[in-house]
Amino acid sequence: MKVALAVAALSLVQPAHSWYPFECCSDEDCEPVTDAVEVPGGYRTHGIFVPSAKVRPSQDGRYHWCHRGDAVFCFFAPLAG
């Protein structure tokens, strides 16, 4: 009974990475960014160019990236509207 209650309680808490796709970060290495700039062919953030092929729509209207060092796995941008 206690285990069932603990599992039920944990299912109500969403981790910070809950909406990032597994293939982008394996639930790690993803974070919001505030310095993203759209440039021809993609975006630039933290001095790193991210090609359009790695850009996906953001689910919260903010910029995010999944990276390890200079290796960018996915980049999330707000939808133009």
PDB file of N, CA and C in Angstrom:
ATOM      1  N   MET A   1       0.822  -1.193   0.000  1.00  0.00           N
ATOM      2  CA  MET A   1       0.000   0.000   0.000  1.00  0.00           C
ATOM      3  C   MET A   1       0.867   1.259   0.000  1.00  0.00           C
ATOM      4  N   LYS A   2       1.913   1.290   0.855  1.00  0.00           N
ATOM      5  CA  LYS A   2       2.776   2.464   0.910  1.00  0.00           C
ATOM      6  C   LYS A   2       3.505   2.676  -0.414  1.00  0.00           C
ATOM      7  N   VAL A   3       3.918   1.589  -1.050  1.00  0.00           N
ATOM      8  CA  VAL A   3       4.612   1.694  -2.333  1.00  0.00           C
ATOM      9  C   VAL A   3       3.674   2.286  -3.373  1.00  0.00           C
ATOM     10  N   ALA A   4       2.437   1.844  -3.411  1.00  0.00           N
ATOM     11  CA  ALA A   4       1.462   2.354  -4.377  1.00  0.00           C
ATOM     12  C   ALA A   4       1.231   3.844  -4.165  1.00  0.00           C
ATOM     13  N   LEU A   5       1.162   4.285  -2.928  1.00  0.00           N
ATOM     14  CA  LEU A   5       0.976   5.708  -2.644  1.00  0.00           C
ATOM     15  C   LEU A   5       2.196   6.516  -3.076  1.00  0.00           C
ATOM     16  N   ALA A   6       3.375   5.987  -2.848  1.00  0.00           N
ATOM     17  CA  ALA A   6       4.594   6.678  -3.248  1.00  0.00           C
ATOM     18  C   ALA A   6       4.664   6.806  -4.766  1.00  0.00           C
ATOM     19  N   VAL A   7       4.338   5.751  -5.473  1.00  0.00           N
ATOM     20  CA  VAL A   7       4.349   5.787  -6.939  1.00  0.00           C
ATOM     21  C   VAL A   7       3.316   6.782  -7.442  1.00  0.00           C
ATOM     22  N   ALA A   8       2.136   6.792  -6.852  1.00  0.00           N
ATOM     23  CA  ALA A   8       1.088   7.728  -7.260  1.00  0.00           C
ATOM     24  C   ALA A   8       1.525   9.168  -7.006  1.00  0.00           C
ATOM     25  N   ALA A   9       2.156   9.424  -5.880  1.00  0.00           N
ATOM     26  CA  ALA A   9       2.622  10.771  -5.563  1.00  0.00           C
ATOM     27  C   ALA A   9       3.709  11.213  -6.536  1.00  0.00           C
ATOM     28  N   LEU A  10       4.621  10.341  -6.860  1.00  0.00           N
ATOM     29  CA  LEU A  10       5.693  10.687  -7.783  1.00  0.00           C
ATOM     30  C   LEU A  10       5.178  10.946  -9.189  1.00  0.00           C
ATOM     31  N   SER A  11       4.106  10.286  -9.575  1.00  0.00           N
ATOM     32  CA  SER A  11       3.567  10.477 -10.919  1.00  0.00           C
ATOM     33  C   SER A  11       2.957  11.865 -11.086  1.00  0.00           C
ATOM     34  N   LEU A  12       2.639  12.555  -9.977  1.00  0.00           N
ATOM     35  CA  LEU A  12       2.078  13.895 -10.042  1.00  0.00           C
ATOM     36  C   LEU A  12       3.158  14.960 -10.232  1.00  0.00           C
ATOM     37  N   VAL A  13       4.396  14.621  -9.955  1.00  0.00           N
ATOM     38  CA  VAL A  13       5.504  15.557 -10.060  1.00  0.00           C
ATOM     39  C   VAL A  13       6.172  15.372 -11.416  1.00  0.00           C
ATOM     40  N   GLN A  14       6.235  16.441 -12.193  1.00  0.00           N
ATOM     41  CA  GLN A  14       6.890  16.351 -13.490  1.00  0.00           C
ATOM     42  C   GLN A  14       8.326  16.829 -13.355  1.00  0.00           C
ATOM     43  N   PRO A  15       9.282  16.045 -13.804  1.00  0.00           N
ATOM     44  CA  PRO A  15      10.666  16.497 -13.743  1.00  0.00           C
ATOM     45  C   PRO A  15      10.907  17.668 -14.686  1.00  0.00           C
ATOM     46  N   ALA A  16      11.964  18.411 -14.470  1.00  0.00           N
ATOM     47  CA  ALA A  16      12.279  19.587 -15.273  1.00  0.00           C
ATOM     48  C   ALA A  16      12.413  19.262 -16.753  1.00  0.00           C
ATOM     49  N   HIS A  17      12.859  18.074 -17.078  1.00  0.00           N
ATOM     50  CA  HIS A  17      13.073  17.694 -18.469  1.00  0.00           C
ATOM     51  C   HIS A  17      11.895  16.932 -19.062  1.00  0.00           C
ATOM     52  N   SER A  18      10.744  17.020 -18.470  1.00  0.00           N
ATOM     53  CA  SER A  18       9.630  16.150 -18.839  1.00  0.00           C
ATOM     54  C   SER A  18       9.231  16.234 -20.310  1.00  0.00           C
ATOM     55  N   TRP A  19       9.355  17.369 -20.960  1.00  0.00           N
ATOM     56  CA  TRP A  19       8.894  17.431 -22.348  1.00  0.00           C
ATOM     57  C   TRP A  19      10.010  17.310 -23.376  1.00  0.00           C
ATOM     58  N   TYR A  20      11.244  17.296 -22.962  1.00  0.00           N
ATOM     59  CA  TYR A  20      12.334  17.125 -23.926  1.00  0.00           C
ATOM     60  C   TYR A  20      12.317  15.694 -24.454  1.00  0.00           C
ATOM     61  N   PRO A  21      12.403  15.524 -25.778  1.00  0.00           N
ATOM     62  CA  PRO A  21      12.425  14.162 -26.328  1.00  0.00           C
ATOM     63  C   PRO A  21      13.659  13.382 -25.858  1.00  0.00           C
ATOM     64  N   PHE A  22      13.464  12.115 -25.600  1.00  0.00           N
ATOM     65  CA  PHE A  22      14.547  11.263 -25.106  1.00  0.00           C
ATOM     66  C   PHE A  22      15.737  11.264 -26.059  1.00  0.00           C
ATOM     67  N   GLU A  23      15.464  11.270 -27.368  1.00  0.00           N
ATOM     68  CA  GLU A  23      16.564  11.200 -28.332  1.00  0.00           C
ATOM     69  C   GLU A  23      17.432  12.463 -28.323  1.00  0.00           C
ATOM     70  N   CYS A  24      16.927  13.539 -27.750  1.00  0.00           N
ATOM     71  CA  CYS A  24      17.714  14.772 -27.681  1.00  0.00           C
ATOM     72  C   CYS A  24      18.664  14.794 -26.493  1.00  0.00           C
ATOM     73  N   CYS A  25      18.230  14.189 -25.388  1.00  0.00           N
ATOM     74  CA  CYS A  25      19.035  14.398 -24.189  1.00  0.00           C
ATOM     75  C   CYS A  25      19.014  13.244 -23.202  1.00  0.00           C
ATOM     76  N   SER A  26      18.287  12.215 -23.486  1.00  0.00           N
ATOM     77  CA  SER A  26      18.174  11.102 -22.540  1.00  0.00           C
ATOM     78  C   SER A  26      17.787  11.615 -21.157  1.00  0.00           C
ATOM     79  N   ASP A  27      16.967  12.674 -21.132  1.00  0.00           N
ATOM     80  CA  ASP A  27      16.496  13.303 -19.897  1.00  0.00           C
ATOM     81  C   ASP A  27      17.632  13.986 -19.127  1.00  0.00           C
ATOM     82  N   GLU A  28      18.666  14.399 -19.857  1.00  0.00           N
ATOM     83  CA  GLU A  28      19.806  15.113 -19.275  1.00  0.00           C
ATOM     84  C   GLU A  28      20.271  16.170 -20.282  1.00  0.00           C
ATOM     85  N   ASP A  29      21.151  17.026 -19.859  1.00  0.00           N
ATOM     86  CA  ASP A  29      21.864  17.943 -20.755  1.00  0.00           C
ATOM     87  C   ASP A  29      20.975  18.958 -21.466  1.00  0.00           C
ATOM     88  N   CYS A  30      19.760  19.205 -21.006  1.00  0.00           N
ATOM     89  CA  CYS A  30      18.885  20.192 -21.635  1.00  0.00           C
ATOM     90  C   CYS A  30      18.631  21.337 -20.657  1.00  0.00           C
ATOM     91  N   GLU A  31      18.541  22.555 -21.225  1.00  0.00           N
ATOM     92  CA  GLU A  31      18.302  23.714 -20.379  1.00  0.00           C
ATOM     93  C   GLU A  31      17.801  24.875 -21.218  1.00  0.00           C
ATOM     94  N   PRO A  32      17.102  25.813 -20.584  1.00  0.00           N
ATOM     95  CA  PRO A  32      16.698  27.024 -21.300  1.00  0.00           C
ATOM     96  C   PRO A  32      17.916  27.888 -21.607  1.00  0.00           C
ATOM     97  N   VAL A  33      17.823  28.680 -22.674  1.00  0.00           N
ATOM     98  CA  VAL A  33      18.859  29.649 -23.012  1.00  0.00           C
ATOM     99  C   VAL A  33      18.202  31.008 -23.218  1.00  0.00           C
ATOM    100  N   THR A  34      18.915  32.065 -22.895  1.00  0.00           N
ATOM    101  CA  THR A  34      18.353  33.409 -23.028  1.00  0.00           C
ATOM    102  C   THR A  34      19.078  34.245 -24.071  1.00  0.00           C
ATOM    103  N   ASP A  35      20.156  33.719 -24.644  1.00  0.00           N
ATOM    104  CA  ASP A  35      20.933  34.516 -25.590  1.00  0.00           C
ATOM    105  C   ASP A  35      20.829  34.022 -27.031  1.00  0.00           C
ATOM    106  N   ALA A  36      19.783  33.274 -27.370  1.00  0.00           N
ATOM    107  CA  ALA A  36      19.642  32.731 -28.719  1.00  0.00           C
ATOM    108  C   ALA A  36      19.299  33.841 -29.714  1.00  0.00           C
ATOM    109  N   VAL A  37      19.958  33.779 -30.874  1.00  0.00           N
ATOM    110  CA  VAL A  37      19.717  34.733 -31.945  1.00  0.00           C
ATOM    111  C   VAL A  37      19.521  33.949 -33.231  1.00  0.00           C
ATOM    112  N   GLU A  38      18.454  34.267 -33.955  1.00  0.00           N
ATOM    113  CA  GLU A  38      18.244  33.613 -35.246  1.00  0.00           C
ATOM    114  C   GLU A  38      19.215  34.206 -36.266  1.00  0.00           C
ATOM    115  N   VAL A  39      19.893  33.328 -36.982  1.00  0.00           N
ATOM    116  CA  VAL A  39      20.850  33.733 -38.014  1.00  0.00           C
ATOM    117  C   VAL A  39      20.535  32.919 -39.267  1.00  0.00           C
ATOM    118  N   PRO A  40      21.043  33.325 -40.427  1.00  0.00           N
ATOM    119  CA  PRO A  40      20.776  32.535 -41.636  1.00  0.00           C
ATOM    120  C   PRO A  40      21.170  31.064 -41.441  1.00  0.00           C
ATOM    121  N   GLY A  41      20.229  30.181 -41.690  1.00  0.00           N
ATOM    122  CA  GLY A  41      20.492  28.744 -41.609  1.00  0.00           C
ATOM    123  C   GLY A  41      20.350  28.136 -40.229  1.00  0.00           C
ATOM    124  N   GLY A  42      19.912  28.917 -39.228  1.00  0.00           N
ATOM    125  CA  GLY A  42      19.740  28.350 -37.892  1.00  0.00           C
ATOM    126  C   GLY A  42      19.747  29.387 -36.795  1.00  0.00           C
ATOM    127  N   TYR A  43      20.396  29.055 -35.698  1.00  0.00           N
ATOM    128  CA  TYR A  43      20.465  29.935 -34.521  1.00  0.00           C
ATOM    129  C   TYR A  43      21.890  29.933 -33.992  1.00  0.00           C
ATOM    130  N   ARG A  44      22.216  30.957 -33.225  1.00  0.00           N
ATOM    131  CA  ARG A  44      23.491  31.022 -32.531  1.00  0.00           C
ATOM    132  C   ARG A  44      23.177  31.254 -31.049  1.00  0.00           C
ATOM    133  N   THR A  45      23.795  30.452 -30.191  1.00  0.00           N
ATOM    134  CA  THR A  45      23.659  30.621 -28.749  1.00  0.00           C
ATOM    135  C   THR A  45      24.971  30.231 -28.088  1.00  0.00           C
ATOM    136  N   HIS A  46      25.330  30.956 -27.087  1.00  0.00           N
ATOM    137  CA  HIS A  46      26.591  30.697 -26.371  1.00  0.00           C
ATOM    138  C   HIS A  46      27.776  30.603 -27.342  1.00  0.00           C
ATOM    139  N   GLY A  47      27.699  31.368 -28.452  1.00  0.00           N
ATOM    140  CA  GLY A  47      28.774  31.358 -29.439  1.00  0.00           C
ATOM    141  C   GLY A  47      28.804  30.133 -30.336  1.00  0.00           C
ATOM    142  N   ILE A  48      27.781  29.293 -30.261  1.00  0.00           N
ATOM    143  CA  ILE A  48      27.736  28.046 -31.040  1.00  0.00           C
ATOM    144  C   ILE A  48      26.620  28.153 -32.082  1.00  0.00           C
ATOM    145  N   PHE A  49      26.921  27.807 -33.329  1.00  0.00           N
ATOM    146  CA  PHE A  49      25.913  27.783 -34.385  1.00  0.00           C
ATOM    147  C   PHE A  49      25.135  26.479 -34.317  1.00  0.00           C
ATOM    148  N   VAL A  50      23.801  26.597 -34.368  1.00  0.00           N
ATOM    149  CA  VAL A  50      22.917  25.428 -34.371  1.00  0.00           C
ATOM    150  C   VAL A  50      22.163  25.431 -35.702  1.00  0.00           C
ATOM    151  N   PRO A  51      22.416  24.452 -36.573  1.00  0.00           N
ATOM    152  CA  PRO A  51      21.742  24.436 -37.877  1.00  0.00           C
ATOM    153  C   PRO A  51      20.241  24.193 -37.751  1.00  0.00           C
ATOM    154  N   SER A  52      19.506  24.699 -38.718  1.00  0.00           N
ATOM    155  CA  SER A  52      18.040  24.567 -38.728  1.00  0.00           C
ATOM    156  C   SER A  52      17.580  23.120 -38.586  1.00  0.00           C
ATOM    157  N   ALA A  53      18.368  22.167 -39.069  1.00  0.00           N
ATOM    158  CA  ALA A  53      17.989  20.754 -39.000  1.00  0.00           C
ATOM    159  C   ALA A  53      17.828  20.272 -37.554  1.00  0.00           C
ATOM    160  N   LYS A  54      18.438  20.946 -36.604  1.00  0.00           N
ATOM    161  CA  LYS A  54      18.338  20.535 -35.201  1.00  0.00           C
ATOM    162  C   LYS A  54      17.285  21.327 -34.428  1.00  0.00           C
ATOM    163  N   VAL A  55      16.592  22.242 -35.104  1.00  0.00           N
ATOM    164  CA  VAL A  55      15.620  23.116 -34.443  1.00  0.00           C
ATOM    165  C   VAL A  55      14.245  22.454 -34.423  1.00  0.00           C
ATOM    166  N   ARG A  56      13.638  22.493 -33.249  1.00  0.00           N
ATOM    167  CA  ARG A  56      12.287  21.954 -33.045  1.00  0.00           C
ATOM    168  C   ARG A  56      11.438  23.013 -32.345  1.00  0.00           C
ATOM    169  N   PRO A  57      10.107  22.893 -32.417  1.00  0.00           N
ATOM    170  CA  PRO A  57       9.270  23.881 -31.721  1.00  0.00           C
ATOM    171  C   PRO A  57       9.347  23.713 -30.202  1.00  0.00           C
ATOM    172  N   SER A  58       9.476  24.832 -29.509  1.00  0.00           N
ATOM    173  CA  SER A  58       9.495  24.828 -28.048  1.00  0.00           C
ATOM    174  C   SER A  58       8.079  24.647 -27.518  1.00  0.00           C
ATOM    175  N   GLN A  59       7.948  23.924 -26.442  1.00  0.00           N
ATOM    176  CA  GLN A  59       6.624  23.704 -25.867  1.00  0.00           C
ATOM    177  C   GLN A  59       6.241  24.769 -24.848  1.00  0.00           C
ATOM    178  N   ASP A  60       7.174  25.638 -24.486  1.00  0.00           N
ATOM    179  CA  ASP A  60       6.832  26.665 -23.499  1.00  0.00           C
ATOM    180  C   ASP A  60       7.092  28.084 -23.991  1.00  0.00           C
ATOM    181  N   GLY A  61       7.368  28.241 -25.304  1.00  0.00           N
ATOM    182  CA  GLY A  61       7.567  29.570 -25.863  1.00  0.00           C
ATOM    183  C   GLY A  61       8.922  30.182 -25.566  1.00  0.00           C
ATOM    184  N   ARG A  62       9.853  29.395 -25.049  1.00  0.00           N
ATOM    185  CA  ARG A  62      11.206  29.878 -24.755  1.00  0.00           C
ATOM    186  C   ARG A  62      12.222  29.062 -25.548  1.00  0.00           C
ATOM    187  N   TYR A  63      13.435  29.561 -25.598  1.00  0.00           N
ATOM    188  CA  TYR A  63      14.523  28.824 -26.241  1.00  0.00           C
ATOM    189  C   TYR A  63      15.132  27.831 -25.254  1.00  0.00           C
ATOM    190  N   HIS A  64      15.486  26.660 -25.765  1.00  0.00           N
ATOM    191  CA  HIS A  64      16.143  25.620 -24.971  1.00  0.00           C
ATOM    192  C   HIS A  64      17.140  24.915 -25.878  1.00  0.00           C
ATOM    193  N   TRP A  65      18.140  24.313 -25.265  1.00  0.00           N
ATOM    194  CA  TRP A  65      19.019  23.456 -26.048  1.00  0.00           C
ATOM    195  C   TRP A  65      19.427  22.252 -25.241  1.00  0.00           C
ATOM    196  N   CYS A  66      19.727  21.185 -25.955  1.00  0.00           N
ATOM    197  CA  CYS A  66      20.218  19.951 -25.361  1.00  0.00           C
ATOM    198  C   CYS A  66      21.624  19.785 -25.931  1.00  0.00           C
ATOM    199  N   HIS A  67      22.602  19.812 -25.059  1.00  0.00           N
ATOM    200  CA  HIS A  67      23.985  19.802 -25.523  1.00  0.00           C
ATOM    201  C   HIS A  67      24.895  19.188 -24.474  1.00  0.00           C
ATOM    202  N   ARG A  68      26.054  18.846 -24.924  1.00  0.00           N
ATOM    203  CA  ARG A  68      27.142  18.426 -24.042  1.00  0.00           C
ATOM    204  C   ARG A  68      28.380  19.089 -24.617  1.00  0.00           C
ATOM    205  N   GLY A  69      28.864  20.125 -23.937  1.00  0.00           N
ATOM    206  CA  GLY A  69      29.966  20.914 -24.481  1.00  0.00           C
ATOM    207  C   GLY A  69      29.497  21.633 -25.736  1.00  0.00           C
ATOM    208  N   ASP A  70      30.273  21.533 -26.804  1.00  0.00           N
ATOM    209  CA  ASP A  70      29.903  22.164 -28.074  1.00  0.00           C
ATOM    210  C   ASP A  70      29.029  21.278 -28.944  1.00  0.00           C
ATOM    211  N   ALA A  71      28.739  20.056 -28.518  1.00  0.00           N
ATOM    212  CA  ALA A  71      27.893  19.148 -29.292  1.00  0.00           C
ATOM    213  C   ALA A  71      26.425  19.433 -28.966  1.00  0.00           C
ATOM    214  N   VAL A  72      25.691  19.940 -29.933  1.00  0.00           N
ATOM    215  CA  VAL A  72      24.277  20.270 -29.750  1.00  0.00           C
ATOM    216  C   VAL A  72      23.444  19.135 -30.334  1.00  0.00           C
ATOM    217  N   PHE A  73      22.591  18.543 -29.514  1.00  0.00           N
ATOM    218  CA  PHE A  73      21.737  17.441 -29.961  1.00  0.00           C
ATOM    219  C   PHE A  73      20.420  17.949 -30.509  1.00  0.00           C
ATOM    220  N   CYS A  74      19.799  18.917 -29.835  1.00  0.00           N
ATOM    221  CA  CYS A  74      18.543  19.500 -30.278  1.00  0.00           C
ATOM    222  C   CYS A  74      18.486  20.949 -29.779  1.00  0.00           C
ATOM    223  N   PHE A  75      17.722  21.749 -30.496  1.00  0.00           N
ATOM    224  CA  PHE A  75      17.511  23.145 -30.116  1.00  0.00           C
ATOM    225  C   PHE A  75      16.027  23.423 -30.262  1.00  0.00           C
ATOM    226  N   PHE A  76      15.433  24.083 -29.281  1.00  0.00           N
ATOM    227  CA  PHE A  76      13.994  24.368 -29.292  1.00  0.00           C
ATOM    228  C   PHE A  76      13.790  25.858 -29.352  1.00  0.00           C
ATOM    229  N   ALA A  77      12.960  26.302 -30.322  1.00  0.00           N
ATOM    230  CA  ALA A  77      12.683  27.718 -30.511  1.00  0.00           C
ATOM    231  C   ALA A  77      11.178  27.951 -30.462  1.00  0.00           C
ATOM    232  N   PRO A  78      10.765  29.134 -29.984  1.00  0.00           N
ATOM    233  CA  PRO A  78       9.333  29.450 -29.994  1.00  0.00           C
ATOM    234  C   PRO A  78       8.798  29.477 -31.418  1.00  0.00           C
ATOM    235  N   LEU A  79       7.566  29.068 -31.571  1.00  0.00           N
ATOM    236  CA  LEU A  79       6.931  29.118 -32.891  1.00  0.00           C
ATOM    237  C   LEU A  79       6.674  30.558 -33.271  1.00  0.00           C
ATOM    238  N   ALA A  80       6.941  30.898 -34.525  1.00  0.00           N
ATOM    239  CA  ALA A  80       6.667  32.258 -35.006  1.00  0.00           C
ATOM    240  C   ALA A  80       5.161  32.461 -35.040  1.00  0.00           C
ATOM    241  N   GLY A  81       4.719  33.598 -34.632  1.00  0.00           N
ATOM    242  CA  GLY A  81       3.290  33.809 -34.611  1.00  0.00           C
ATOM    243  C   GLY A  81       2.918  35.162 -34.729  1.00  0.00           C
TER     244      GLY A  81
END
